[in-house]
């Protein structure tokens, strides 16, 4: 599954029991309703209940508050599954990630953060 525009790309890659979701570019949609296709992609992944999920945000240079809400909701949904191990990969050089990704651990304490 993939959503691609000139500004951003969201793609999921399935490898056996692991799903990697890659976010790239600048995701600055004007309101939360505009994030519906991305939220739907994420919801479909929750339904498949993989054993491991990697959320790769290392190439996502910017994300507004509406996008952070969508990702936080996704993290909460994965945490409720209790059978999915989740890894969030972020870049220590991207300011919004350093601030926001630490808060994701509060939403899902067993979430693993990797800084690359």
C-alpha atoms as a PDB file:
ATOM      1  CA  UNK A   1       0.000   0.000   0.000  1.00  0.00           C
ATOM      2  CA  UNK A   2       1.276   3.445  -0.861  1.00  0.00           C
ATOM      3  CA  UNK A   3       0.127   7.040  -0.836  1.00  0.00           C
ATOM      4  CA  UNK A   4       2.361   9.371  -2.809  1.00  0.00           C
ATOM      5  CA  UNK A   5       2.194  13.056  -3.670  1.00  0.00           C
ATOM      6  CA  UNK A   6       4.791  15.654  -4.631  1.00  0.00           C
ATOM      7  CA  UNK A   7       5.192  16.604  -0.955  1.00  0.00           C
ATOM      8  CA  UNK A   8       5.172  13.252   0.843  1.00  0.00           C
ATOM      9  CA  UNK A   9       5.070   9.470   0.583  1.00  0.00           C
ATOM     10  CA  UNK A  10       3.610   6.871   2.952  1.00  0.00           C
ATOM     11  CA  UNK A  11       4.282   3.237   2.070  1.00  0.00           C
ATOM     12  CA  UNK A  12       3.908  -0.077   3.827  1.00  0.00           C
ATOM     13  CA  UNK A  13       6.204  -3.008   3.157  1.00  0.00           C
ATOM     14  CA  UNK A  14       5.304  -6.482   4.366  1.00  0.00           C
ATOM     15  CA  UNK A  15       8.115  -8.908   5.105  1.00  0.00           C
ATOM     16  CA  UNK A  16       6.805 -12.131   6.653  1.00  0.00           C
ATOM     17  CA  UNK A  17       5.397 -11.117  10.075  1.00  0.00           C
ATOM     18  CA  UNK A  18       6.878  -7.605  10.029  1.00  0.00           C
ATOM     19  CA  UNK A  19       5.273  -4.552   8.485  1.00  0.00           C
ATOM     20  CA  UNK A  20       7.394  -1.462   7.887  1.00  0.00           C
ATOM     21  CA  UNK A  21       5.576   1.837   7.340  1.00  0.00           C
ATOM     22  CA  UNK A  22       7.789   4.454   5.765  1.00  0.00           C
ATOM     23  CA  UNK A  23       6.977   8.173   5.891  1.00  0.00           C
ATOM     24  CA  UNK A  24       9.000  10.558   3.719  1.00  0.00           C
ATOM     25  CA  UNK A  25       8.909  14.242   2.841  1.00  0.00           C
ATOM     26  CA  UNK A  26       6.819  17.018   4.358  1.00  0.00           C
ATOM     27  CA  UNK A  27       3.363  16.161   5.639  1.00  0.00           C
ATOM     28  CA  UNK A  28       1.554  19.446   6.291  1.00  0.00           C
ATOM     29  CA  UNK A  29      -2.067  18.790   5.355  1.00  0.00           C
ATOM     30  CA  UNK A  30      -4.430  21.680   6.247  1.00  0.00           C
ATOM     31  CA  UNK A  31      -6.739  19.774   8.612  1.00  0.00           C
ATOM     32  CA  UNK A  32      -7.236  16.366  10.188  1.00  0.00           C
ATOM     33  CA  UNK A  33      -9.874  15.366   7.596  1.00  0.00           C
ATOM     34  CA  UNK A  34      -7.186  15.543   4.906  1.00  0.00           C
ATOM     35  CA  UNK A  35      -5.295  12.794   6.770  1.00  0.00           C
ATOM     36  CA  UNK A  36      -8.155  10.300   6.264  1.00  0.00           C
ATOM     37  CA  UNK A  37      -6.411   8.256   3.510  1.00  0.00           C
ATOM     38  CA  UNK A  38      -3.315   7.919   5.698  1.00  0.00           C
ATOM     39  CA  UNK A  39      -5.406   7.032   8.755  1.00  0.00           C
ATOM     40  CA  UNK A  40      -7.212   4.391   6.686  1.00  0.00           C
ATOM     41  CA  UNK A  41      -3.907   2.879   5.557  1.00  0.00           C
ATOM     42  CA  UNK A  42      -2.782   2.736   9.199  1.00  0.00           C
ATOM     43  CA  UNK A  43      -6.106   1.212  10.312  1.00  0.00           C
ATOM     44  CA  UNK A  44      -5.775  -1.552   7.717  1.00  0.00           C
ATOM     45  CA  UNK A  45      -2.392  -2.396   9.192  1.00  0.00           C
ATOM     46  CA  UNK A  46      -3.839  -2.598  12.720  1.00  0.00           C
ATOM     47  CA  UNK A  47      -6.425  -5.093  11.431  1.00  0.00           C
ATOM     48  CA  UNK A  48      -3.732  -7.388   9.996  1.00  0.00           C
ATOM     49  CA  UNK A  49      -2.144  -7.616  13.464  1.00  0.00           C
ATOM     50  CA  UNK A  50       1.472  -8.295  12.465  1.00  0.00           C
ATOM     51  CA  UNK A  51       3.824  -9.615  15.115  1.00  0.00           C
ATOM     52  CA  UNK A  52       6.168  -6.658  14.579  1.00  0.00           C
ATOM     53  CA  UNK A  53       5.565  -3.198  13.182  1.00  0.00           C
ATOM     54  CA  UNK A  54       8.241  -0.657  12.300  1.00  0.00           C
ATOM     55  CA  UNK A  55       7.193   2.964  11.905  1.00  0.00           C
ATOM     56  CA  UNK A  56      10.060   4.567   9.984  1.00  0.00           C
ATOM     57  CA  UNK A  57       9.866   8.352  10.271  1.00  0.00           C
ATOM     58  CA  UNK A  58      13.551   9.089   9.631  1.00  0.00           C
ATOM     59  CA  UNK A  59      12.883  10.810   6.283  1.00  0.00           C
ATOM     60  CA  UNK A  60       9.778  12.723   7.401  1.00  0.00           C
ATOM     61  CA  UNK A  61      11.159  16.253   7.647  1.00  0.00           C
ATOM     62  CA  UNK A  62       8.005  17.938   8.916  1.00  0.00           C
ATOM     63  CA  UNK A  63       4.635  16.986  10.354  1.00  0.00           C
ATOM     64  CA  UNK A  64       1.955  19.311  11.683  1.00  0.00           C
ATOM     65  CA  UNK A  65      -0.192  18.817  14.790  1.00  0.00           C
ATOM     66  CA  UNK A  66      -2.987  17.095  12.854  1.00  0.00           C
ATOM     67  CA  UNK A  67      -0.492  14.547  11.566  1.00  0.00           C
ATOM     68  CA  UNK A  68       0.895  13.986  15.049  1.00  0.00           C
ATOM     69  CA  UNK A  69      -2.651  13.292  16.274  1.00  0.00           C
ATOM     70  CA  UNK A  70      -3.109  10.690  13.527  1.00  0.00           C
ATOM     71  CA  UNK A  71       0.171   8.979  14.455  1.00  0.00           C
ATOM     72  CA  UNK A  72      -0.595   9.145  18.192  1.00  0.00           C
ATOM     73  CA  UNK A  73      -3.988   7.535  17.591  1.00  0.00           C
ATOM     74  CA  UNK A  74      -2.257   4.799  15.599  1.00  0.00           C
ATOM     75  CA  UNK A  75       0.217   4.187  18.439  1.00  0.00           C
ATOM     76  CA  UNK A  76      -2.664   3.900  20.921  1.00  0.00           C
ATOM     77  CA  UNK A  77      -4.474   1.433  18.620  1.00  0.00           C
ATOM     78  CA  UNK A  78      -1.342  -0.715  18.287  1.00  0.00           C
ATOM     79  CA  UNK A  79      -0.806  -0.604  22.069  1.00  0.00           C
ATOM     80  CA  UNK A  80      -4.322  -1.916  22.621  1.00  0.00           C
ATOM     81  CA  UNK A  81      -3.502  -4.973  20.482  1.00  0.00           C
ATOM     82  CA  UNK A  82      -0.906  -6.094  23.086  1.00  0.00           C
ATOM     83  CA  UNK A  83       0.471  -8.727  20.688  1.00  0.00           C
ATOM     84  CA  UNK A  84       2.258  -6.349  18.322  1.00  0.00           C
ATOM     85  CA  UNK A  85       5.824  -5.261  18.997  1.00  0.00           C
ATOM     86  CA  UNK A  86       6.286  -1.729  17.699  1.00  0.00           C
ATOM     87  CA  UNK A  87       9.493   0.052  16.821  1.00  0.00           C
ATOM     88  CA  UNK A  88       9.515   3.735  15.908  1.00  0.00           C
ATOM     89  CA  UNK A  89      12.589   4.891  14.024  1.00  0.00           C
ATOM     90  CA  UNK A  90      13.357   8.580  14.124  1.00  0.00           C
ATOM     91  CA  UNK A  91      16.142  10.984  13.275  1.00  0.00           C
ATOM     92  CA  UNK A  92      17.800  12.868  16.143  1.00  0.00           C
ATOM     93  CA  UNK A  93      18.482  15.692  13.678  1.00  0.00           C
ATOM     94  CA  UNK A  94      14.792  16.455  13.047  1.00  0.00           C
ATOM     95  CA  UNK A  95      13.472  18.671  15.846  1.00  0.00           C
ATOM     96  CA  UNK A  96       9.784  17.717  15.722  1.00  0.00           C
ATOM     97  CA  UNK A  97      10.712  14.037  16.023  1.00  0.00           C
ATOM     98  CA  UNK A  98      12.898  14.538  19.081  1.00  0.00           C
ATOM     99  CA  UNK A  99      10.020  16.316  20.828  1.00  0.00           C
ATOM    100  CA  UNK A 100       7.059  14.219  19.676  1.00  0.00           C
ATOM    101  CA  UNK A 101       8.375  10.668  19.573  1.00  0.00           C
ATOM    102  CA  UNK A 102       9.237  10.614  23.261  1.00  0.00           C
ATOM    103  CA  UNK A 103       5.556  11.274  23.964  1.00  0.00           C
ATOM    104  CA  UNK A 104       4.587   8.196  21.964  1.00  0.00           C
ATOM    105  CA  UNK A 105       6.247   6.079  24.666  1.00  0.00           C
ATOM    106  CA  UNK A 106       3.815   7.525  27.168  1.00  0.00           C
ATOM    107  CA  UNK A 107       0.979   6.284  24.967  1.00  0.00           C
ATOM    108  CA  UNK A 108       2.557   2.829  24.543  1.00  0.00           C
ATOM    109  CA  UNK A 109       5.164   2.068  27.228  1.00  0.00           C
ATOM    110  CA  UNK A 110       6.537  -1.040  25.484  1.00  0.00           C
ATOM    111  CA  UNK A 111       7.174   0.912  22.269  1.00  0.00           C
ATOM    112  CA  UNK A 112      10.832   0.860  21.227  1.00  0.00           C
ATOM    113  CA  UNK A 113      12.414   4.083  19.956  1.00  0.00           C
ATOM    114  CA  UNK A 114      15.406   3.864  17.656  1.00  0.00           C
ATOM    115  CA  UNK A 115      17.359   6.972  16.709  1.00  0.00           C
ATOM    116  CA  UNK A 116      19.300   6.639  13.454  1.00  0.00           C
END
